[in-house]
Amino acid sequence: VRDRIIPDVNGDGIYKADIILEAIIEKETEKKKLFHWIDQVNKTALLATNTSSILLENLAEELANPERLVGIHFFNPVNKMP
């Protein structure tokens, strides 16, 4: 499974991805811009966001198929966070 997980900071493989996990800064405008661009390049991948505070409905507003956006929040163990 690890061989199929590809970190892709530049987005070179987005067109062929089955699942795309976004983990950029926690700014709604930036996440919306990223998802808009991804939506132009890949129309079928499951889109996952690492947001903890932005409504998924807001991020999905401009997607052709908003139902393909899911939330998947991950972080360091709580007891290790400041």
PDB file of N, CA and C in Angstrom:
ATOM      1  N   VAL A   1       0.830  -1.192   0.000  1.00  0.00           N
ATOM      2  CA  VAL A   1       0.000   0.000   0.000  1.00  0.00           C
ATOM      3  C   VAL A   1       0.867   1.245   0.000  1.00  0.00           C
ATOM      4  N   ARG A   2       1.951   1.245   0.769  1.00  0.00           N
ATOM      5  CA  ARG A   2       2.817   2.427   0.808  1.00  0.00           C
ATOM      6  C   ARG A   2       3.380   2.773  -0.563  1.00  0.00           C
ATOM      7  N   ASP A   3       3.585   1.782  -1.401  1.00  0.00           N
ATOM      8  CA  ASP A   3       4.111   2.046  -2.733  1.00  0.00           C
ATOM      9  C   ASP A   3       3.122   2.802  -3.609  1.00  0.00           C
ATOM     10  N   ARG A   4       1.851   2.773  -3.235  1.00  0.00           N
ATOM     11  CA  ARG A   4       0.835   3.465  -4.036  1.00  0.00           C
ATOM     12  C   ARG A   4       0.514   4.856  -3.502  1.00  0.00           C
ATOM     13  N   ILE A   5       1.066   5.219  -2.345  1.00  0.00           N
ATOM     14  CA  ILE A   5       0.879   6.555  -1.787  1.00  0.00           C
ATOM     15  C   ILE A   5       2.022   7.425  -2.282  1.00  0.00           C
ATOM     16  N   ILE A   6       1.665   8.472  -2.997  1.00  0.00           N
ATOM     17  CA  ILE A   6       2.680   9.307  -3.632  1.00  0.00           C
ATOM     18  C   ILE A   6       2.559  10.748  -3.151  1.00  0.00           C
ATOM     19  N   PRO A   7       3.499  11.222  -2.336  1.00  0.00           N
ATOM     20  CA  PRO A   7       3.502  12.648  -1.998  1.00  0.00           C
ATOM     21  C   PRO A   7       3.718  13.438  -3.288  1.00  0.00           C
ATOM     22  N   ASP A   8       2.935  14.478  -3.483  1.00  0.00           N
ATOM     23  CA  ASP A   8       2.976  15.189  -4.766  1.00  0.00           C
ATOM     24  C   ASP A   8       2.802  16.688  -4.530  1.00  0.00           C
ATOM     25  N   VAL A   9       3.811  17.313  -3.989  1.00  0.00           N
ATOM     26  CA  VAL A   9       3.750  18.724  -3.632  1.00  0.00           C
ATOM     27  C   VAL A   9       3.455  19.605  -4.844  1.00  0.00           C
ATOM     28  N   ASN A  10       3.962  19.242  -6.006  1.00  0.00           N
ATOM     29  CA  ASN A  10       3.762  20.052  -7.209  1.00  0.00           C
ATOM     30  C   ASN A  10       2.471  19.733  -7.950  1.00  0.00           C
ATOM     31  N   GLY A  11       1.797  18.648  -7.597  1.00  0.00           N
ATOM     32  CA  GLY A  11       0.547  18.293  -8.262  1.00  0.00           C
ATOM     33  C   GLY A  11       0.719  17.646  -9.615  1.00  0.00           C
ATOM     34  N   ASP A  12       1.879  17.110  -9.900  1.00  0.00           N
ATOM     35  CA  ASP A  12       2.140  16.509 -11.207  1.00  0.00           C
ATOM     36  C   ASP A  12       1.294  15.269 -11.488  1.00  0.00           C
ATOM     37  N   GLY A  13       0.902  14.541 -10.467  1.00  0.00           N
ATOM     38  CA  GLY A  13       0.156  13.306 -10.667  1.00  0.00           C
ATOM     39  C   GLY A  13      -1.335  13.422 -10.405  1.00  0.00           C
ATOM     40  N   ILE A  14      -1.818  14.622 -10.204  1.00  0.00           N
ATOM     41  CA  ILE A  14      -3.238  14.813  -9.869  1.00  0.00           C
ATOM     42  C   ILE A  14      -4.150  14.238 -10.936  1.00  0.00           C
ATOM     43  N   TYR A  15      -3.791  14.381 -12.188  1.00  0.00           N
ATOM     44  CA  TYR A  15      -4.662  13.923 -13.282  1.00  0.00           C
ATOM     45  C   TYR A  15      -4.944  12.427 -13.226  1.00  0.00           C
ATOM     46  N   LYS A  16      -4.065  11.643 -12.611  1.00  0.00           N
ATOM     47  CA  LYS A  16      -4.268  10.190 -12.594  1.00  0.00           C
ATOM     48  C   LYS A  16      -4.571   9.624 -11.205  1.00  0.00           C
ATOM     49  N   ALA A  17      -4.721  10.487 -10.212  1.00  0.00           N
ATOM     50  CA  ALA A  17      -4.952  10.040  -8.833  1.00  0.00           C
ATOM     51  C   ALA A  17      -6.378   9.546  -8.628  1.00  0.00           C
ATOM     52  N   ASP A  18      -6.527   8.562  -7.750  1.00  0.00           N
ATOM     53  CA  ASP A  18      -7.847   8.067  -7.349  1.00  0.00           C
ATOM     54  C   ASP A  18      -8.350   8.787  -6.099  1.00  0.00           C
ATOM     55  N   ILE A  19      -7.411   9.166  -5.234  1.00  0.00           N
ATOM     56  CA  ILE A  19      -7.718   9.887  -4.006  1.00  0.00           C
ATOM     57  C   ILE A  19      -6.694  11.014  -3.869  1.00  0.00           C
ATOM     58  N   ILE A  20      -7.195  12.197  -3.561  1.00  0.00           N
ATOM     59  CA  ILE A  20      -6.313  13.346  -3.380  1.00  0.00           C
ATOM     60  C   ILE A  20      -6.565  13.911  -1.990  1.00  0.00           C
ATOM     61  N   LEU A  21      -5.533  13.925  -1.165  1.00  0.00           N
ATOM     62  CA  LEU A  21      -5.632  14.437   0.194  1.00  0.00           C
ATOM     63  C   LEU A  21      -4.926  15.779   0.260  1.00  0.00           C
ATOM     64  N   GLU A  22      -5.697  16.813   0.523  1.00  0.00           N
ATOM     65  CA  GLU A  22      -5.155  18.167   0.636  1.00  0.00           C
ATOM     66  C   GLU A  22      -4.782  18.428   2.085  1.00  0.00           C
ATOM     67  N   ALA A  23      -3.610  19.023   2.298  1.00  0.00           N
ATOM     68  CA  ALA A  23      -3.173  19.358   3.655  1.00  0.00           C
ATOM     69  C   ALA A  23      -2.390  20.669   3.626  1.00  0.00           C
ATOM     70  N   ILE A  24      -2.995  21.705   3.037  1.00  0.00           N
ATOM     71  CA  ILE A  24      -2.327  23.004   2.976  1.00  0.00           C
ATOM     72  C   ILE A  24      -2.778  23.865   4.155  1.00  0.00           C
ATOM     73  N   ILE A  25      -2.366  25.121   4.142  1.00  0.00           N
ATOM     74  CA  ILE A  25      -2.695  26.032   5.243  1.00  0.00           C
ATOM     75  C   ILE A  25      -4.206  26.126   5.459  1.00  0.00           C
ATOM     76  N   GLU A  26      -4.590  26.451   6.661  1.00  0.00           N
ATOM     77  CA  GLU A  26      -5.999  26.476   7.062  1.00  0.00           C
ATOM     78  C   GLU A  26      -6.626  27.831   6.709  1.00  0.00           C
ATOM     79  N   LYS A  27      -6.693  28.117   5.402  1.00  0.00           N
ATOM     80  CA  LYS A  27      -7.341  29.328   4.895  1.00  0.00           C
ATOM     81  C   LYS A  27      -8.331  28.908   3.827  1.00  0.00           C
ATOM     82  N   GLU A  28      -9.583  29.265   4.035  1.00  0.00           N
ATOM     83  CA  GLU A  28     -10.643  28.831   3.126  1.00  0.00           C
ATOM     84  C   GLU A  28     -10.377  29.251   1.687  1.00  0.00           C
ATOM     85  N   THR A  29      -9.924  30.477   1.480  1.00  0.00           N
ATOM     86  CA  THR A  29      -9.687  30.941   0.107  1.00  0.00           C
ATOM     87  C   THR A  29      -8.617  30.103  -0.597  1.00  0.00           C
ATOM     88  N   GLU A  30      -7.578  29.743   0.124  1.00  0.00           N
ATOM     89  CA  GLU A  30      -6.500  28.944  -0.469  1.00  0.00           C
ATOM     90  C   GLU A  30      -6.969  27.526  -0.787  1.00  0.00           C
ATOM     91  N   LYS A  31      -7.722  26.934   0.120  1.00  0.00           N
ATOM     92  CA  LYS A  31      -8.236  25.581  -0.109  1.00  0.00           C
ATOM     93  C   LYS A  31      -9.216  25.578  -1.284  1.00  0.00           C
ATOM     94  N   LYS A  32     -10.063  26.608  -1.370  1.00  0.00           N
ATOM     95  CA  LYS A  32     -11.010  26.694  -2.491  1.00  0.00           C
ATOM     96  C   LYS A  32     -10.270  26.817  -3.816  1.00  0.00           C
ATOM     97  N   LYS A  33      -9.220  27.640  -3.852  1.00  0.00           N
ATOM     98  CA  LYS A  33      -8.433  27.780  -5.089  1.00  0.00           C
ATOM     99  C   LYS A  33      -7.813  26.444  -5.490  1.00  0.00           C
ATOM    100  N   LEU A  34      -7.275  25.738  -4.511  1.00  0.00           N
ATOM    101  CA  LEU A  34      -6.658  24.450  -4.794  1.00  0.00           C
ATOM    102  C   LEU A  34      -7.687  23.446  -5.318  1.00  0.00           C
ATOM    103  N   PHE A  35      -8.835  23.345  -4.651  1.00  0.00           N
ATOM    104  CA  PHE A  35      -9.863  22.401  -5.099  1.00  0.00           C
ATOM    105  C   PHE A  35     -10.435  22.784  -6.459  1.00  0.00           C
ATOM    106  N   HIS A  36     -10.533  24.068  -6.740  1.00  0.00           N
ATOM    107  CA  HIS A  36     -10.999  24.504  -8.057  1.00  0.00           C
ATOM    108  C   HIS A  36     -10.025  24.024  -9.131  1.00  0.00           C
ATOM    109  N   TRP A  37      -8.738  24.196  -8.880  1.00  0.00           N
ATOM    110  CA  TRP A  37      -7.724  23.752  -9.841  1.00  0.00           C
ATOM    111  C   TRP A  37      -7.766  22.227  -9.997  1.00  0.00           C
ATOM    112  N   ILE A  38      -7.836  21.520  -8.895  1.00  0.00           N
ATOM    113  CA  ILE A  38      -7.896  20.052  -8.951  1.00  0.00           C
ATOM    114  C   ILE A  38      -9.126  19.610  -9.742  1.00  0.00           C
ATOM    115  N   ASP A  39     -10.247  20.278  -9.536  1.00  0.00           N
ATOM    116  CA  ASP A  39     -11.500  19.920 -10.214  1.00  0.00           C
ATOM    117  C   ASP A  39     -11.381  20.078 -11.730  1.00  0.00           C
ATOM    118  N   GLN A  40     -10.540  20.975 -12.179  1.00  0.00           N
ATOM    119  CA  GLN A  40     -10.324  21.156 -13.616  1.00  0.00           C
ATOM    120  C   GLN A  40      -9.464  20.032 -14.207  1.00  0.00           C
ATOM    121  N   VAL A  41      -8.593  19.478 -13.393  1.00  0.00           N
ATOM    122  CA  VAL A  41      -7.616  18.479 -13.850  1.00  0.00           C
ATOM    123  C   VAL A  41      -8.114  17.048 -13.677  1.00  0.00           C
ATOM    124  N   ASN A  42      -8.853  16.786 -12.605  1.00  0.00           N
ATOM    125  CA  ASN A  42      -9.305  15.429 -12.309  1.00  0.00           C
ATOM    126  C   ASN A  42     -10.767  15.483 -11.861  1.00  0.00           C
ATOM    127  N   LYS A  43     -11.636  14.886 -12.653  1.00  0.00           N
ATOM    128  CA  LYS A  43     -13.082  14.965 -12.402  1.00  0.00           C
ATOM    129  C   LYS A  43     -13.626  13.791 -11.591  1.00  0.00           C
ATOM    130  N   THR A  44     -12.795  12.795 -11.274  1.00  0.00           N
ATOM    131  CA  THR A  44     -13.321  11.580 -10.655  1.00  0.00           C
ATOM    132  C   THR A  44     -12.724  11.211  -9.308  1.00  0.00           C
ATOM    133  N   ALA A  45     -11.572  11.740  -8.961  1.00  0.00           N
ATOM    134  CA  ALA A  45     -10.907  11.346  -7.712  1.00  0.00           C
ATOM    135  C   ALA A  45     -11.715  11.759  -6.493  1.00  0.00           C
ATOM    136  N   LEU A  46     -11.634  10.959  -5.452  1.00  0.00           N
ATOM    137  CA  LEU A  46     -12.169  11.333  -4.155  1.00  0.00           C
ATOM    138  C   LEU A  46     -11.272  12.435  -3.617  1.00  0.00           C
ATOM    139  N   LEU A  47     -11.863  13.530  -3.175  1.00  0.00           N
ATOM    140  CA  LEU A  47     -11.103  14.656  -2.651  1.00  0.00           C
ATOM    141  C   LEU A  47     -11.254  14.680  -1.136  1.00  0.00           C
ATOM    142  N   ALA A  48     -10.149  14.731  -0.442  1.00  0.00           N
ATOM    143  CA  ALA A  48     -10.175  14.761   1.014  1.00  0.00           C
ATOM    144  C   ALA A  48      -9.461  16.010   1.497  1.00  0.00           C
ATOM    145  N   THR A  49     -10.019  16.639   2.506  1.00  0.00           N
ATOM    146  CA  THR A  49      -9.398  17.832   3.073  1.00  0.00           C
ATOM    147  C   THR A  49      -9.018  17.596   4.520  1.00  0.00           C
ATOM    148  N   ASN A  50      -7.929  18.198   4.918  1.00  0.00           N
ATOM    149  CA  ASN A  50      -7.448  18.074   6.280  1.00  0.00           C
ATOM    150  C   ASN A  50      -7.934  19.227   7.152  1.00  0.00           C
ATOM    151  N   THR A  51      -8.997  19.893   6.752  1.00  0.00           N
ATOM    152  CA  THR A  51      -9.470  21.020   7.539  1.00  0.00           C
ATOM    153  C   THR A  51     -10.037  20.579   8.882  1.00  0.00           C
ATOM    154  N   SER A  52      -9.881  21.453   9.866  1.00  0.00           N
ATOM    155  CA  SER A  52     -10.482  21.196  11.170  1.00  0.00           C
ATOM    156  C   SER A  52     -11.483  22.278  11.534  1.00  0.00           C
ATOM    157  N   SER A  53     -11.554  23.343  10.714  1.00  0.00           N
ATOM    158  CA  SER A  53     -12.418  24.458  11.091  1.00  0.00           C
ATOM    159  C   SER A  53     -13.269  25.023   9.954  1.00  0.00           C
ATOM    160  N   ILE A  54     -13.048  24.590   8.733  1.00  0.00           N
ATOM    161  CA  ILE A  54     -13.787  25.129   7.584  1.00  0.00           C
ATOM    162  C   ILE A  54     -14.890  24.152   7.198  1.00  0.00           C
ATOM    163  N   LEU A  55     -16.075  24.664   6.973  1.00  0.00           N
ATOM    164  CA  LEU A  55     -17.192  23.804   6.573  1.00  0.00           C
ATOM    165  C   LEU A  55     -16.938  23.168   5.212  1.00  0.00           C
ATOM    166  N   LEU A  56     -17.164  21.869   5.136  1.00  0.00           N
ATOM    167  CA  LEU A  56     -16.981  21.168   3.861  1.00  0.00           C
ATOM    168  C   LEU A  56     -17.897  21.740   2.788  1.00  0.00           C
ATOM    169  N   GLU A  57     -19.093  22.141   3.175  1.00  0.00           N
ATOM    170  CA  GLU A  57     -20.040  22.720   2.223  1.00  0.00           C
ATOM    171  C   GLU A  57     -19.448  23.956   1.554  1.00  0.00           C
ATOM    172  N   ASN A  58     -18.709  24.748   2.297  1.00  0.00           N
ATOM    173  CA  ASN A  58     -18.071  25.937   1.727  1.00  0.00           C
ATOM    174  C   ASN A  58     -16.986  25.557   0.729  1.00  0.00           C
ATOM    175  N   LEU A  59     -16.186  24.561   1.075  1.00  0.00           N
ATOM    176  CA  LEU A  59     -15.098  24.147   0.185  1.00  0.00           C
ATOM    177  C   LEU A  59     -15.623  23.487  -1.080  1.00  0.00           C
ATOM    178  N   ALA A  60     -16.777  22.852  -0.989  1.00  0.00           N
ATOM    179  CA  ALA A  60     -17.329  22.107  -2.126  1.00  0.00           C
ATOM    180  C   ALA A  60     -18.195  22.963  -3.050  1.00  0.00           C
ATOM    181  N   GLU A  61     -18.431  24.219  -2.695  1.00  0.00           N
ATOM    182  CA  GLU A  61     -19.356  25.070  -3.444  1.00  0.00           C
ATOM    183  C   GLU A  61     -19.118  25.103  -4.950  1.00  0.00           C
ATOM    184  N   GLU A  62     -17.883  25.158  -5.361  1.00  0.00           N
ATOM    185  CA  GLU A  62     -17.593  25.327  -6.780  1.00  0.00           C
ATOM    186  C   GLU A  62     -17.162  24.036  -7.478  1.00  0.00           C
ATOM    187  N   LEU A  63     -17.236  22.921  -6.792  1.00  0.00           N
ATOM    188  CA  LEU A  63     -16.871  21.648  -7.412  1.00  0.00           C
ATOM    189  C   LEU A  63     -17.999  21.167  -8.317  1.00  0.00           C
ATOM    190  N   ALA A  64     -17.653  20.570  -9.437  1.00  0.00           N
ATOM    191  CA  ALA A  64     -18.664  20.022 -10.346  1.00  0.00           C
ATOM    192  C   ALA A  64     -19.471  18.925  -9.649  1.00  0.00           C
ATOM    193  N   ASN A  65     -18.808  18.127  -8.824  1.00  0.00           N
ATOM    194  CA  ASN A  65     -19.458  17.056  -8.061  1.00  0.00           C
ATOM    195  C   ASN A  65     -19.076  17.206  -6.592  1.00  0.00           C
ATOM    196  N   PRO A  66     -19.773  18.070  -5.868  1.00  0.00           N
ATOM    197  CA  PRO A  66     -19.387  18.349  -4.479  1.00  0.00           C
ATOM    198  C   PRO A  66     -19.458  17.143  -3.556  1.00  0.00           C
ATOM    199  N   GLU A  67     -20.209  16.125  -3.935  1.00  0.00           N
ATOM    200  CA  GLU A  67     -20.327  14.939  -3.087  1.00  0.00           C
ATOM    201  C   GLU A  67     -19.037  14.131  -3.016  1.00  0.00           C
ATOM    202  N   ARG A  68     -18.066  14.449  -3.834  1.00  0.00           N
ATOM    203  CA  ARG A  68     -16.810  13.693  -3.779  1.00  0.00           C
ATOM    204  C   ARG A  68     -15.811  14.272  -2.781  1.00  0.00           C
ATOM    205  N   LEU A  69     -16.179  15.348  -2.077  1.00  0.00           N
ATOM    206  CA  LEU A  69     -15.310  15.940  -1.065  1.00  0.00           C
ATOM    207  C   LEU A  69     -15.643  15.380   0.317  1.00  0.00           C
ATOM    208  N   VAL A  70     -14.624  14.926   1.011  1.00  0.00           N
ATOM    209  CA  VAL A  70     -14.786  14.407   2.372  1.00  0.00           C
ATOM    210  C   VAL A  70     -13.767  15.079   3.287  1.00  0.00           C
ATOM    211  N   GLY A  71     -14.076  15.086   4.570  1.00  0.00           N
ATOM    212  CA  GLY A  71     -13.142  15.603   5.560  1.00  0.00           C
ATOM    213  C   GLY A  71     -12.384  14.461   6.208  1.00  0.00           C
ATOM    214  N   ILE A  72     -11.095  14.650   6.395  1.00  0.00           N
ATOM    215  CA  ILE A  72     -10.272  13.641   7.066  1.00  0.00           C
ATOM    216  C   ILE A  72      -9.199  14.398   7.846  1.00  0.00           C
ATOM    217  N   HIS A  73      -9.539  14.765   9.065  1.00  0.00           N
ATOM    218  CA  HIS A  73      -8.631  15.578   9.866  1.00  0.00           C
ATOM    219  C   HIS A  73      -7.645  14.685  10.612  1.00  0.00           C
ATOM    220  N   PHE A  74      -6.369  14.989  10.465  1.00  0.00           N
ATOM    221  CA  PHE A  74      -5.350  14.262  11.214  1.00  0.00           C
ATOM    222  C   PHE A  74      -4.383  15.264  11.828  1.00  0.00           C
ATOM    223  N   PHE A  75      -3.807  14.886  12.934  1.00  0.00           N
ATOM    224  CA  PHE A  75      -2.871  15.755  13.630  1.00  0.00           C
ATOM    225  C   PHE A  75      -2.025  14.915  14.570  1.00  0.00           C
ATOM    226  N   ASN A  76      -1.067  15.570  15.168  1.00  0.00           N
ATOM    227  CA  ASN A  76      -0.234  14.888  16.155  1.00  0.00           C
ATOM    228  C   ASN A  76      -1.094  14.473  17.342  1.00  0.00           C
ATOM    229  N   PRO A  77      -0.672  13.471  18.089  1.00  0.00           N
ATOM    230  CA  PRO A  77      -1.453  13.075  19.268  1.00  0.00           C
ATOM    231  C   PRO A  77      -1.709  14.278  20.176  1.00  0.00           C
ATOM    232  N   VAL A  78      -2.922  14.370  20.663  1.00  0.00           N
ATOM    233  CA  VAL A  78      -3.336  15.514  21.486  1.00  0.00           C
ATOM    234  C   VAL A  78      -2.393  15.751  22.645  1.00  0.00           C
ATOM    235  N   ASN A  79      -1.965  14.678  23.284  1.00  0.00           N
ATOM    236  CA  ASN A  79      -1.093  14.853  24.455  1.00  0.00           C
ATOM    237  C   ASN A  79       0.285  15.387  24.096  1.00  0.00           C
ATOM    238  N   LYS A  80       0.617  15.455  22.807  1.00  0.00           N
ATOM    239  CA  LYS A  80       1.905  15.981  22.365  1.00  0.00           C
ATOM    240  C   LYS A  80       1.790  17.411  21.847  1.00  0.00           C
ATOM    241  N   MET A  81       0.572  17.897  21.654  1.00  0.00           N
ATOM    242  CA  MET A  81       0.367  19.225  21.102  1.00  0.00           C
ATOM    243  C   MET A  81       0.399  20.274  22.207  1.00  0.00           C
ATOM    244  N   PRO A  82       0.885  21.479  21.883  1.00  0.00           N
ATOM    245  CA  PRO A  82       0.924  22.552  22.900  1.00  0.00           C
ATOM    246  C   PRO A  82      -0.477  23.019  23.266  1.00  0.00           C
TER     247      PRO A  82
END
